[in-house]
Amino acid sequence: MSLDERLERLVERHEALTQSVELMALENRQMAVENKQRDKRMGEIMEGIARLLHVAEIHEQRLEGHDDRLDKLE
């Protein structure tokens, strides 16, 4: 194999590696965007759950109040 052929092979490998690295960088950027969107959505879900828990606690207190009044009637 001549020196020119070796250099050509090295150039081809270098180009292939460069393309691979560029693709990996693009995938990482896309994953970062997706993770940010997922984290935002997860935060919204957690806030919704916290609100539902608060409503459930209020209803539980009201039911306990009704139970107390019913017990006093007996």
Protein backbone atom coordinates (compact mmCIF):
# COMPACT_ATOMS: atom_id res chain seq x y z
CA MET A 1 0.00 0.00 0.00
CA SER A 2 1.45 3.32 -1.04
CA LEU A 3 1.73 6.39 1.13
CA ASP A 4 -1.02 8.12 -0.88
CA GLU A 5 -3.37 5.16 -0.35
CA ARG A 6 -2.66 5.20 3.37
CA LEU A 7 -3.34 8.91 3.56
CA GLU A 8 -6.57 8.46 1.62
CA ARG A 9 -7.71 5.77 4.07
CA LEU A 10 -6.85 8.01 7.02
CA VAL A 11 -8.81 10.87 5.47
CA GLU A 12 -11.82 8.57 4.95
CA ARG A 13 -11.65 7.36 8.56
CA HIS A 14 -11.31 10.90 9.80
CA GLU A 15 -14.36 11.99 7.82
CA ALA A 16 -16.37 9.03 9.11
CA LEU A 17 -15.37 9.79 12.69
CA THR A 18 -16.21 13.45 12.23
CA GLN A 19 -19.67 12.56 10.96
CA SER A 20 -20.19 10.19 13.87
CA VAL A 21 -19.22 12.84 16.40
CA GLU A 22 -21.47 15.41 14.72
CA LEU A 23 -24.41 12.98 14.85
CA MET A 24 -23.74 12.22 18.50
CA ALA A 25 -23.61 15.94 19.32
CA LEU A 26 -26.93 16.49 17.52
CA GLU A 27 -28.54 13.59 19.39
CA ASN A 28 -27.26 14.99 22.69
CA ARG A 29 -28.75 18.40 21.94
CA GLN A 30 -32.07 16.81 21.01
CA MET A 31 -32.06 14.74 24.19
CA ALA A 32 -31.34 17.86 26.25
CA VAL A 33 -34.37 19.59 24.73
CA GLU A 34 -36.55 16.51 25.32
CA ASN A 35 -35.33 16.22 28.92
CA LYS A 36 -36.13 19.88 29.55
CA GLN A 37 -39.65 19.39 28.16
CA ARG A 38 -40.10 16.22 30.22
CA ASP A 39 -38.91 17.96 33.39
CA LYS A 40 -41.33 20.84 32.79
CA ARG A 41 -44.22 18.43 32.26
CA MET A 42 -43.23 16.44 35.35
CA GLY A 43 -43.27 19.66 37.38
CA GLU A 44 -46.76 20.44 36.11
CA ILE A 45 -47.93 16.95 37.03
CA MET A 46 -46.45 17.25 40.52
CA GLU A 47 -48.19 20.60 41.02
CA GLY A 48 -51.48 19.04 39.93
CA ILE A 49 -51.04 16.16 42.35
CA ALA A 50 -50.28 18.59 45.18
CA ARG A 51 -53.49 20.51 44.39
CA LEU A 52 -55.51 17.30 44.33
CA LEU A 53 -54.03 16.26 47.66
CA HIS A 54 -55.03 19.61 49.13
CA VAL A 55 -58.60 19.21 47.86
CA ALA A 56 -58.75 15.67 49.25
CA GLU A 57 -57.57 16.90 52.66
CA ILE A 58 -60.24 19.62 52.68
CA HIS A 59 -62.94 17.09 51.79
CA GLU A 60 -61.69 14.71 54.46
CA GLN A 61 -61.95 17.47 57.07
CA ARG A 62 -65.49 18.28 55.93
CA LEU A 63 -66.50 14.62 56.14
CA GLU A 64 -65.02 14.37 59.63
CA GLY A 65 -67.06 17.42 60.60
CA HIS A 66 -70.21 15.78 59.26
CA ASP A 67 -69.38 12.58 61.14
CA ASP A 68 -68.92 14.54 64.37
CA ARG A 69 -72.31 16.23 63.95
CA LEU A 70 -73.97 12.90 63.18
CA ASP A 71 -72.40 11.36 66.29
CA LYS A 72 -73.82 14.20 68.42
CA LEU A 73 -77.31 13.52 67.03
CA GLU A 74 -77.25 9.94 68.23
